[in-house]
Amino acid sequence: MVRNRPELVPTILRTVFDLDILGEPSLTSESFADLNPAELRCDATVLFDAPEKPAHGVVVESQQRFDEGKQYSWPAYIALLRLRHKCGATLLVLCPDQNSARRCAAPIDMGHPDWVLRPLTVHPGMLPPITDPAEAVRIPELAVLSAPAHADGPHASAVVSAVAAAIDTLTGDTGPLYHDYLRTLLSDAARKLLEDTVKTAGYEWQSDFAKTHIAEGRTEEAARLLLLILEKRDVPVPNDVRDRIAECTDTEQLERWAERALVIDHAEQLFD
């Protein structure tokens, strides 16, 4: 997301940490292969350009869980970026939840007096809910990052509508990528809200990928419900039956099978 839209970095720094960095953000190389050690490579690097020279650099890391080894590589990223561009540098770590963000934020004692690196860590709950579709469209990545933390809260409907509008403006593979990422993090209730928003709020999906993904979401939900009915009724489901259900792309057919699942004694009877 940072590589797609470097403006996401100053937005997060300003929103969460009240840090304003002057200059226009742009990507620079994440690799420090021209410097030793050659294996050092961070996830993304954003450089803020000033009129005469780079004003500041930000190393961005995506960290799913605490990794003790990062306490040694992160200071190296900062030092090498500072050396390369002769400017100050900041470390921003994106985490999936509060616990990982707390652990990754542990101060790193460099051993030199008064030299301690304190990583700036962010998780979705620290980002504000994006409820305005126009704001979500302006920075879709911010809407996608914050949505999982707020899609079950008091602003759920507005958050889901805004992120849906933002994703639908994206082109190429970016839209499907963000949509799949979001679906893995939303709760069942939030995913249903997303579909209900499309049905009842008058929003028209414009892109082909969105229409396809919504259809796939409904099909997946119908298949899940069908298998759940069979499970609750203690009806064994052989692998060939399970495969046929999984391969079905007709939502109405799956719903008809679900109705039969309420009364049959053997899973094979679904297809009679």
C-alpha atoms as a PDB file:
ATOM      1  CA  MET A   1       0.000   0.000   0.000  1.00  0.00           C
ATOM      2  CA  VAL A   2       2.860   2.383   0.785  1.00  0.00           C
ATOM      3  CA  ARG A   3       4.458   1.601  -2.564  1.00  0.00           C
ATOM      4  CA  ASN A   4       1.163   2.330  -4.318  1.00  0.00           C
ATOM      5  CA  ARG A   5       0.583   5.579  -2.446  1.00  0.00           C
ATOM      6  CA  PRO A   6       3.544   7.118  -0.547  1.00  0.00           C
ATOM      7  CA  GLU A   7       1.198   9.847   0.741  1.00  0.00           C
ATOM      8  CA  LEU A   8      -0.119   7.223   3.179  1.00  0.00           C
ATOM      9  CA  VAL A   9       3.051   7.603   5.286  1.00  0.00           C
ATOM     10  CA  PRO A  10       2.783  11.333   6.141  1.00  0.00           C
ATOM     11  CA  THR A  11      -0.958  10.864   6.717  1.00  0.00           C
ATOM     12  CA  ILE A  12      -0.333   8.151   9.326  1.00  0.00           C
ATOM     13  CA  LEU A  13       2.535  10.062  10.968  1.00  0.00           C
ATOM     14  CA  ARG A  14       0.413  13.203  11.212  1.00  0.00           C
ATOM     15  CA  THR A  15      -2.781  11.426  12.341  1.00  0.00           C
ATOM     16  CA  VAL A  16      -1.296   9.053  14.923  1.00  0.00           C
ATOM     17  CA  PHE A  17       1.924  10.729  16.094  1.00  0.00           C
ATOM     18  CA  ASP A  18       1.219  14.408  15.329  1.00  0.00           C
ATOM     19  CA  LEU A  19       4.384  14.522  13.195  1.00  0.00           C
ATOM     20  CA  ASP A  20       4.459  16.840  10.203  1.00  0.00           C
ATOM     21  CA  ILE A  21       7.310  16.215   7.758  1.00  0.00           C
ATOM     22  CA  LEU A  22       7.765  18.865   5.097  1.00  0.00           C
ATOM     23  CA  GLY A  23       8.299  17.922   1.475  1.00  0.00           C
ATOM     24  CA  GLU A  24       6.670  15.806  -1.210  1.00  0.00           C
ATOM     25  CA  PRO A  25       6.805  12.056  -0.429  1.00  0.00           C
ATOM     26  CA  SER A  26       8.119   9.656  -3.060  1.00  0.00           C
ATOM     27  CA  LEU A  27       9.456   6.117  -3.103  1.00  0.00           C
ATOM     28  CA  THR A  28      13.133   5.346  -3.087  1.00  0.00           C
ATOM     29  CA  SER A  29      15.037   2.070  -3.097  1.00  0.00           C
ATOM     30  CA  GLU A  30      14.299  -0.386  -0.286  1.00  0.00           C
ATOM     31  CA  SER A  31      17.564  -2.200  -0.919  1.00  0.00           C
ATOM     32  CA  PHE A  32      20.875  -1.383   0.687  1.00  0.00           C
ATOM     33  CA  ALA A  33      22.762  -3.853  -1.505  1.00  0.00           C
ATOM     34  CA  ASP A  34      25.279  -1.181  -2.498  1.00  0.00           C
ATOM     35  CA  LEU A  35      26.263  -0.968   1.164  1.00  0.00           C
ATOM     36  CA  ASN A  36      27.437  -3.741   3.470  1.00  0.00           C
ATOM     37  CA  PRO A  37      25.862  -5.981   4.628  1.00  0.00           C
ATOM     38  CA  ALA A  38      24.247  -6.784   1.271  1.00  0.00           C
ATOM     39  CA  GLU A  39      21.290  -8.756   2.659  1.00  0.00           C
ATOM     40  CA  LEU A  40      19.647  -5.702   4.264  1.00  0.00           C
ATOM     41  CA  ARG A  41      16.341  -4.857   2.574  1.00  0.00           C
ATOM     42  CA  CYS A  42      13.365  -3.149   4.210  1.00  0.00           C
ATOM     43  CA  ASP A  43       9.734  -3.331   3.058  1.00  0.00           C
ATOM     44  CA  ALA A  44       9.422   0.234   1.734  1.00  0.00           C
ATOM     45  CA  THR A  45      11.232   3.553   1.930  1.00  0.00           C
ATOM     46  CA  VAL A  46       9.636   6.971   1.461  1.00  0.00           C
ATOM     47  CA  LEU A  47      11.755  10.059   0.857  1.00  0.00           C
ATOM     48  CA  PHE A  48      10.472  13.591   1.449  1.00  0.00           C
ATOM     49  CA  ASP A  49      11.986  15.926  -1.130  1.00  0.00           C
ATOM     50  CA  ALA A  50      13.007  19.485  -0.297  1.00  0.00           C
ATOM     51  CA  PRO A  51      14.090  22.159  -2.840  1.00  0.00           C
ATOM     52  CA  GLU A  52      17.816  21.432  -2.573  1.00  0.00           C
ATOM     53  CA  LYS A  53      18.184  17.988  -0.966  1.00  0.00           C
ATOM     54  CA  PRO A  54      16.103  15.223   0.657  1.00  0.00           C
ATOM     55  CA  ALA A  55      14.546  16.595   3.834  1.00  0.00           C
ATOM     56  CA  HIS A  56      13.694  13.322   5.555  1.00  0.00           C
ATOM     57  CA  GLY A  57      13.394   9.587   4.979  1.00  0.00           C
ATOM     58  CA  VAL A  58      10.964   7.058   6.433  1.00  0.00           C
ATOM     59  CA  VAL A  59      11.650   3.325   6.594  1.00  0.00           C
ATOM     60  CA  VAL A  60       8.342   1.432   6.540  1.00  0.00           C
ATOM     61  CA  GLU A  61       8.121  -2.143   7.811  1.00  0.00           C
ATOM     62  CA  SER A  62       5.103  -4.474   7.815  1.00  0.00           C
ATOM     63  CA  GLN A  63       5.427  -6.700  10.864  1.00  0.00           C
ATOM     64  CA  GLN A  64       2.907  -9.462  11.585  1.00  0.00           C
ATOM     65  CA  ARG A  65       4.485 -10.405  14.917  1.00  0.00           C
ATOM     66  CA  PHE A  66       7.420  -9.500  17.130  1.00  0.00           C
ATOM     67  CA  ASP A  67      10.777 -10.626  15.742  1.00  0.00           C
ATOM     68  CA  GLU A  68      13.799 -10.179  17.979  1.00  0.00           C
ATOM     69  CA  GLY A  69      16.074 -10.056  14.938  1.00  0.00           C
ATOM     70  CA  LYS A  70      14.465  -6.786  13.853  1.00  0.00           C
ATOM     71  CA  GLN A  71      16.031  -5.090  16.865  1.00  0.00           C
ATOM     72  CA  TYR A  72      19.312  -5.378  14.981  1.00  0.00           C
ATOM     73  CA  SER A  73      18.206  -4.812  11.374  1.00  0.00           C
ATOM     74  CA  TRP A  74      15.900  -1.825  12.008  1.00  0.00           C
ATOM     75  CA  PRO A  75      18.668   0.438  13.385  1.00  0.00           C
ATOM     76  CA  ALA A  76      20.793  -0.538  10.370  1.00  0.00           C
ATOM     77  CA  TYR A  77      18.007   0.493   7.952  1.00  0.00           C
ATOM     78  CA  ILE A  78      17.759   3.882   9.644  1.00  0.00           C
ATOM     79  CA  ALA A  79      21.519   4.465   9.735  1.00  0.00           C
ATOM     80  CA  LEU A  80      22.073   3.414   6.123  1.00  0.00           C
ATOM     81  CA  LEU A  81      19.179   5.522   4.827  1.00  0.00           C
ATOM     82  CA  ARG A  82      20.566   8.500   6.724  1.00  0.00           C
ATOM     83  CA  LEU A  83      24.034   7.853   5.304  1.00  0.00           C
ATOM     84  CA  ARG A  84      22.814   7.438   1.729  1.00  0.00           C
ATOM     85  CA  HIS A  85      20.686  10.588   1.558  1.00  0.00           C
ATOM     86  CA  LYS A  86      22.382  12.742   4.210  1.00  0.00           C
ATOM     87  CA  CYS A  87      19.104  13.435   6.022  1.00  0.00           C
ATOM     88  CA  GLY A  88      17.155  12.442   9.116  1.00  0.00           C
ATOM     89  CA  ALA A  89      15.255   9.164   9.154  1.00  0.00           C
ATOM     90  CA  THR A  90      12.233   7.701  10.922  1.00  0.00           C
ATOM     91  CA  LEU A  91      11.095   4.092  11.431  1.00  0.00           C
ATOM     92  CA  LEU A  92       7.375   3.337  10.946  1.00  0.00           C
ATOM     93  CA  VAL A  93       6.156  -0.215  11.648  1.00  0.00           C
ATOM     94  CA  LEU A  94       2.663  -1.330  10.511  1.00  0.00           C
ATOM     95  CA  CYS A  95       1.208  -4.082  12.727  1.00  0.00           C
ATOM     96  CA  PRO A  96      -2.070  -6.046  12.524  1.00  0.00           C
ATOM     97  CA  ASP A  97      -3.133  -5.675  16.162  1.00  0.00           C
ATOM     98  CA  GLN A  98      -2.474  -3.900  19.452  1.00  0.00           C
ATOM     99  CA  ASN A  99      -0.381  -6.673  20.996  1.00  0.00           C
ATOM    100  CA  SER A 100       2.079  -6.941  18.099  1.00  0.00           C
ATOM    101  CA  ALA A 101       2.312  -3.136  17.902  1.00  0.00           C
ATOM    102  CA  ARG A 102       3.083  -2.929  21.622  1.00  0.00           C
ATOM    103  CA  ARG A 103       5.829  -5.553  21.433  1.00  0.00           C
ATOM    104  CA  CYS A 104       7.391  -4.091  18.273  1.00  0.00           C
ATOM    105  CA  ALA A 105       7.454  -0.649  19.927  1.00  0.00           C
ATOM    106  CA  ALA A 106       9.918  -1.858  22.598  1.00  0.00           C
ATOM    107  CA  PRO A 107      12.871   0.588  22.800  1.00  0.00           C
ATOM    108  CA  ILE A 108      16.069  -0.650  21.177  1.00  0.00           C
ATOM    109  CA  ASP A 109      19.114   0.187  23.289  1.00  0.00           C
ATOM    110  CA  MET A 110      22.028   0.720  20.916  1.00  0.00           C
ATOM    111  CA  GLY A 111      24.630   0.418  23.681  1.00  0.00           C
ATOM    112  CA  HIS A 112      25.896   3.978  23.216  1.00  0.00           C
ATOM    113  CA  PRO A 113      24.939   6.449  25.989  1.00  0.00           C
ATOM    114  CA  ASP A 114      21.549   8.113  25.316  1.00  0.00           C
ATOM    115  CA  TRP A 115      21.183   6.338  21.967  1.00  0.00           C
ATOM    116  CA  VAL A 116      17.859   4.490  22.019  1.00  0.00           C
ATOM    117  CA  LEU A 117      15.667   3.806  18.991  1.00  0.00           C
ATOM    118  CA  ARG A 118      11.937   3.819  19.762  1.00  0.00           C
ATOM    119  CA  PRO A 119      10.043   2.421  16.753  1.00  0.00           C
ATOM    120  CA  LEU A 120       6.801   4.158  15.816  1.00  0.00           C
ATOM    121  CA  THR A 121       4.265   1.335  15.551  1.00  0.00           C
ATOM    122  CA  VAL A 122       0.703   1.535  14.222  1.00  0.00           C
ATOM    123  CA  HIS A 123      -2.209  -0.901  14.244  1.00  0.00           C
ATOM    124  CA  PRO A 124      -5.655  -0.359  12.613  1.00  0.00           C
ATOM    125  CA  GLY A 125      -7.287   0.594  15.908  1.00  0.00           C
ATOM    126  CA  MET A 126      -5.030   3.668  16.112  1.00  0.00           C
ATOM    127  CA  LEU A 127      -6.372   5.003  12.808  1.00  0.00           C
ATOM    128  CA  PRO A 128      -9.585   7.039  12.696  1.00  0.00           C
ATOM    129  CA  PRO A 129     -12.741   5.619  11.107  1.00  0.00           C
ATOM    130  CA  ILE A 130     -13.048   6.791   7.509  1.00  0.00           C
ATOM    131  CA  THR A 131     -16.764   7.496   7.037  1.00  0.00           C
ATOM    132  CA  ASP A 132     -16.673  10.036   4.210  1.00  0.00           C
ATOM    133  CA  PRO A 133     -16.568   8.341   0.756  1.00  0.00           C
ATOM    134  CA  ALA A 134     -14.741  11.352  -0.707  1.00  0.00           C
ATOM    135  CA  GLU A 135     -11.970  11.036   1.888  1.00  0.00           C
ATOM    136  CA  ALA A 136     -11.807   7.274   1.347  1.00  0.00           C
ATOM    137  CA  VAL A 137     -11.476   7.756  -2.420  1.00  0.00           C
ATOM    138  CA  ARG A 138      -8.675  10.289  -1.876  1.00  0.00           C
ATOM    139  CA  ILE A 139      -6.540   7.772   0.078  1.00  0.00           C
ATOM    140  CA  PRO A 140      -8.065   4.297  -0.391  1.00  0.00           C
ATOM    141  CA  GLU A 141      -5.180   2.659   1.459  1.00  0.00           C
ATOM    142  CA  LEU A 142      -5.986   4.526   4.671  1.00  0.00           C
ATOM    143  CA  ALA A 143      -9.641   3.476   4.418  1.00  0.00           C
ATOM    144  CA  VAL A 144      -8.652  -0.174   3.840  1.00  0.00           C
ATOM    145  CA  LEU A 145      -6.181  -0.187   6.747  1.00  0.00           C
ATOM    146  CA  SER A 146      -8.603   1.352   9.241  1.00  0.00           C
ATOM    147  CA  ALA A 147     -11.827  -0.413   8.178  1.00  0.00           C
ATOM    148  CA  PRO A 148     -11.289  -3.726  10.068  1.00  0.00           C
ATOM    149  CA  ALA A 149     -10.986  -1.852  13.365  1.00  0.00           C
ATOM    150  CA  HIS A 150     -14.191   0.131  12.890  1.00  0.00           C
ATOM    151  CA  ALA A 151     -16.432  -2.062  10.720  1.00  0.00           C
ATOM    152  CA  ASP A 152     -18.139  -3.487  13.830  1.00  0.00           C
ATOM    153  CA  GLY A 153     -18.373  -0.220  15.765  1.00  0.00           C
ATOM    154  CA  PRO A 154     -20.881   2.626  15.943  1.00  0.00           C
ATOM    155  CA  HIS A 155     -19.820   3.938  12.524  1.00  0.00           C
ATOM    156  CA  ALA A 156     -19.936   0.498  10.870  1.00  0.00           C
ATOM    157  CA  SER A 157     -22.359   1.324   8.066  1.00  0.00           C
ATOM    158  CA  ALA A 158     -20.573   4.541   7.062  1.00  0.00           C
ATOM    159  CA  VAL A 159     -17.139   2.883   7.280  1.00  0.00           C
ATOM    160  CA  VAL A 160     -18.180  -0.020   5.041  1.00  0.00           C
ATOM    161  CA  SER A 161     -19.861   2.273   2.511  1.00  0.00           C
ATOM    162  CA  ALA A 162     -16.792   4.508   2.336  1.00  0.00           C
ATOM    163  CA  VAL A 163     -14.271   1.698   1.906  1.00  0.00           C
ATOM    164  CA  ALA A 164     -16.491   0.048  -0.718  1.00  0.00           C
ATOM    165  CA  ALA A 165     -16.584   3.273  -2.714  1.00  0.00           C
ATOM    166  CA  ALA A 166     -12.797   3.657  -2.395  1.00  0.00           C
ATOM    167  CA  ILE A 167     -11.964   0.138  -3.555  1.00  0.00           C
ATOM    168  CA  ASP A 168     -14.244   0.447  -6.550  1.00  0.00           C
ATOM    169  CA  THR A 169     -12.241   3.398  -7.902  1.00  0.00           C
ATOM    170  CA  LEU A 170      -9.014   1.378  -8.115  1.00  0.00           C
ATOM    171  CA  THR A 171      -7.762  -0.063 -11.380  1.00  0.00           C
ATOM    172  CA  GLY A 172      -5.735  -3.086 -12.398  1.00  0.00           C
ATOM    173  CA  ASP A 173      -4.877  -5.677  -9.759  1.00  0.00           C
ATOM    174  CA  THR A 174      -4.920  -3.203  -6.870  1.00  0.00           C
ATOM    175  CA  GLY A 175      -8.662  -3.402  -6.274  1.00  0.00           C
ATOM    176  CA  PRO A 176      -8.846  -7.209  -6.021  1.00  0.00           C
ATOM    177  CA  LEU A 177      -5.726  -7.238  -3.831  1.00  0.00           C
ATOM    178  CA  TYR A 178      -7.172  -4.738  -1.349  1.00  0.00           C
ATOM    179  CA  HIS A 179     -10.577  -6.429  -1.436  1.00  0.00           C
ATOM    180  CA  ASP A 180      -9.091  -9.847  -0.623  1.00  0.00           C
ATOM    181  CA  TYR A 181      -6.940  -8.334   2.131  1.00  0.00           C
ATOM    182  CA  LEU A 182      -9.991  -6.663   3.648  1.00  0.00           C
ATOM    183  CA  ARG A 183     -12.150  -9.791   3.511  1.00  0.00           C
ATOM    184  CA  THR A 184      -9.589 -11.765   5.511  1.00  0.00           C
ATOM    185  CA  LEU A 185      -9.757  -9.229   8.358  1.00  0.00           C
ATOM    186  CA  LEU A 186     -13.459  -8.323   8.487  1.00  0.00           C
ATOM    187  CA  SER A 187     -15.735 -10.206  10.837  1.00  0.00           C
ATOM    188  CA  ASP A 188     -18.607 -12.278   9.453  1.00  0.00           C
ATOM    189  CA  ALA A 189     -20.992  -9.501  10.435  1.00  0.00           C
ATOM    190  CA  ALA A 190     -18.900  -6.859   8.672  1.00  0.00           C
ATOM    191  CA  ARG A 191     -18.651  -8.952   5.499  1.00  0.00           C
ATOM    192  CA  LYS A 192     -22.432  -9.335   5.505  1.00  0.00           C
ATOM    193  CA  LEU A 193     -22.786  -5.600   6.074  1.00  0.00           C
ATOM    194  CA  LEU A 194     -20.605  -5.000   3.028  1.00  0.00           C
ATOM    195  CA  GLU A 195     -22.923  -7.125   0.891  1.00  0.00           C
ATOM    196  CA  ASP A 196     -26.063  -5.561   2.393  1.00  0.00           C
ATOM    197  CA  THR A 197     -24.638  -2.120   1.684  1.00  0.00           C
ATOM    198  CA  VAL A 198     -24.339  -3.003  -1.982  1.00  0.00           C
ATOM    199  CA  LYS A 199     -27.897  -4.367  -2.055  1.00  0.00           C
ATOM    200  CA  THR A 200     -29.800  -1.705  -0.137  1.00  0.00           C
ATOM    201  CA  ALA A 201     -27.815   1.525   0.027  1.00  0.00           C
ATOM    202  CA  GLY A 202     -28.166   2.250  -3.668  1.00  0.00           C
ATOM    203  CA  TYR A 203     -24.450   1.928  -4.347  1.00  0.00           C
ATOM    204  CA  GLU A 204     -23.615   0.733  -7.830  1.00  0.00           C
ATOM    205  CA  TRP A 205     -20.397  -1.198  -8.276  1.00  0.00           C
ATOM    206  CA  GLN A 206     -18.689   0.198 -11.355  1.00  0.00           C
ATOM    207  CA  SER A 207     -15.710  -2.068 -11.854  1.00  0.00           C
ATOM    208  CA  ASP A 208     -15.840  -5.628 -13.144  1.00  0.00           C
ATOM    209  CA  PHE A 209     -13.651  -6.898 -10.311  1.00  0.00           C
ATOM    210  CA  ALA A 210     -16.044  -5.560  -7.673  1.00  0.00           C
ATOM    211  CA  LYS A 211     -19.072  -7.162  -9.262  1.00  0.00           C
ATOM    212  CA  THR A 212     -17.167 -10.447  -9.536  1.00  0.00           C
ATOM    213  CA  HIS A 213     -15.931 -10.356  -5.934  1.00  0.00           C
ATOM    214  CA  ILE A 214     -19.377  -9.544  -4.523  1.00  0.00           C
ATOM    215  CA  ALA A 215     -20.862 -12.447  -6.494  1.00  0.00           C
ATOM    216  CA  GLU A 216     -18.084 -14.709  -5.219  1.00  0.00           C
ATOM    217  CA  GLY A 217     -18.757 -13.539  -1.677  1.00  0.00           C
ATOM    218  CA  ARG A 218     -22.423 -14.457  -1.901  1.00  0.00           C
ATOM    219  CA  THR A 219     -21.550 -17.851  -3.366  1.00  0.00           C
ATOM    220  CA  GLU A 220     -19.036 -18.548  -0.596  1.00  0.00           C
ATOM    221  CA  GLU A 221     -21.600 -17.574   2.045  1.00  0.00           C
ATOM    222  CA  ALA A 222     -24.251 -19.858   0.513  1.00  0.00           C
ATOM    223  CA  ALA A 223     -21.797 -22.774   0.389  1.00  0.00           C
ATOM    224  CA  ARG A 224     -20.726 -22.154   3.990  1.00  0.00           C
ATOM    225  CA  LEU A 225     -24.369 -22.102   5.131  1.00  0.00           C
ATOM    226  CA  LEU A 226     -25.111 -25.343   3.288  1.00  0.00           C
ATOM    227  CA  LEU A 227     -22.197 -27.165   4.930  1.00  0.00           C
ATOM    228  CA  LEU A 228     -23.149 -25.705   8.315  1.00  0.00           C
ATOM    229  CA  ILE A 229     -26.694 -27.101   8.024  1.00  0.00           C
ATOM    230  CA  LEU A 230     -25.343 -30.551   7.209  1.00  0.00           C
ATOM    231  CA  GLU A 231     -22.883 -30.350  10.092  1.00  0.00           C
ATOM    232  CA  LYS A 232     -25.543 -29.300  12.621  1.00  0.00           C
ATOM    233  CA  ARG A 233     -27.776 -32.171  11.473  1.00  0.00           C
ATOM    234  CA  ASP A 234     -24.873 -34.630  11.819  1.00  0.00           C
ATOM    235  CA  VAL A 235     -25.073 -35.583   8.136  1.00  0.00           C
ATOM    236  CA  PRO A 236     -21.644 -36.874   6.992  1.00  0.00           C
ATOM    237  CA  VAL A 237     -20.257 -35.041   3.940  1.00  0.00           C
ATOM    238  CA  PRO A 238     -17.964 -37.174   1.727  1.00  0.00           C
ATOM    239  CA  ASN A 239     -15.103 -35.433  -0.023  1.00  0.00           C
ATOM    240  CA  ASP A 240     -16.704 -35.682  -3.469  1.00  0.00           C
ATOM    241  CA  VAL A 241     -19.860 -33.968  -2.185  1.00  0.00           C
ATOM    242  CA  ARG A 242     -17.807 -31.284  -0.446  1.00  0.00           C
ATOM    243  CA  ASP A 243     -15.824 -30.703  -3.661  1.00  0.00           C
ATOM    244  CA  ARG A 244     -19.010 -30.375  -5.721  1.00  0.00           C
ATOM    245  CA  ILE A 245     -20.377 -27.802  -3.283  1.00  0.00           C
ATOM    246  CA  ALA A 246     -17.115 -25.849  -3.325  1.00  0.00           C
ATOM    247  CA  GLU A 247     -16.967 -25.838  -7.118  1.00  0.00           C
ATOM    248  CA  CYS A 248     -20.549 -24.606  -7.561  1.00  0.00           C
ATOM    249  CA  THR A 249     -20.707 -20.949  -8.663  1.00  0.00           C
ATOM    250  CA  ASP A 250     -24.512 -20.734  -8.863  1.00  0.00           C
ATOM    251  CA  THR A 251     -25.783 -19.061  -5.684  1.00  0.00           C
ATOM    252  CA  GLU A 252     -29.413 -19.999  -6.364  1.00  0.00           C
ATOM    253  CA  GLN A 253     -28.429 -23.650  -6.814  1.00  0.00           C
ATOM    254  CA  LEU A 254     -26.571 -23.605  -3.503  1.00  0.00           C
ATOM    255  CA  GLU A 255     -29.617 -22.098  -1.805  1.00  0.00           C
ATOM    256  CA  ARG A 256     -31.834 -24.867  -3.229  1.00  0.00           C
ATOM    257  CA  TRP A 257     -29.374 -27.449  -1.911  1.00  0.00           C
ATOM    258  CA  ALA A 258     -29.492 -25.734   1.485  1.00  0.00           C
ATOM    259  CA  GLU A 259     -33.270 -26.164   1.567  1.00  0.00           C
ATOM    260  CA  ARG A 260     -32.875 -29.882   0.809  1.00  0.00           C
ATOM    261  CA  ALA A 261     -30.180 -30.155   3.472  1.00  0.00           C
ATOM    262  CA  LEU A 262     -32.877 -29.504   6.078  1.00  0.00           C
ATOM    263  CA  VAL A 263     -34.682 -32.767   5.335  1.00  0.00           C
ATOM    264  CA  ILE A 264     -32.269 -35.273   3.731  1.00  0.00           C
ATOM    265  CA  ASP A 265     -30.534 -38.160   5.533  1.00  0.00           C
ATOM    266  CA  HIS A 266     -27.511 -38.548   3.219  1.00  0.00           C
ATOM    267  CA  ALA A 267     -25.429 -35.804   1.635  1.00  0.00           C
ATOM    268  CA  GLU A 268     -25.670 -37.437  -1.802  1.00  0.00           C
ATOM    269  CA  GLN A 269     -29.427 -36.745  -1.745  1.00  0.00           C
ATOM    270  CA  LEU A 270     -28.657 -33.062  -2.251  1.00  0.00           C
ATOM    271  CA  PHE A 271     -28.232 -33.755  -5.948  1.00  0.00           C
ATOM    272  CA  ASP A 272     -31.323 -35.946  -6.473  1.00  0.00           C
END
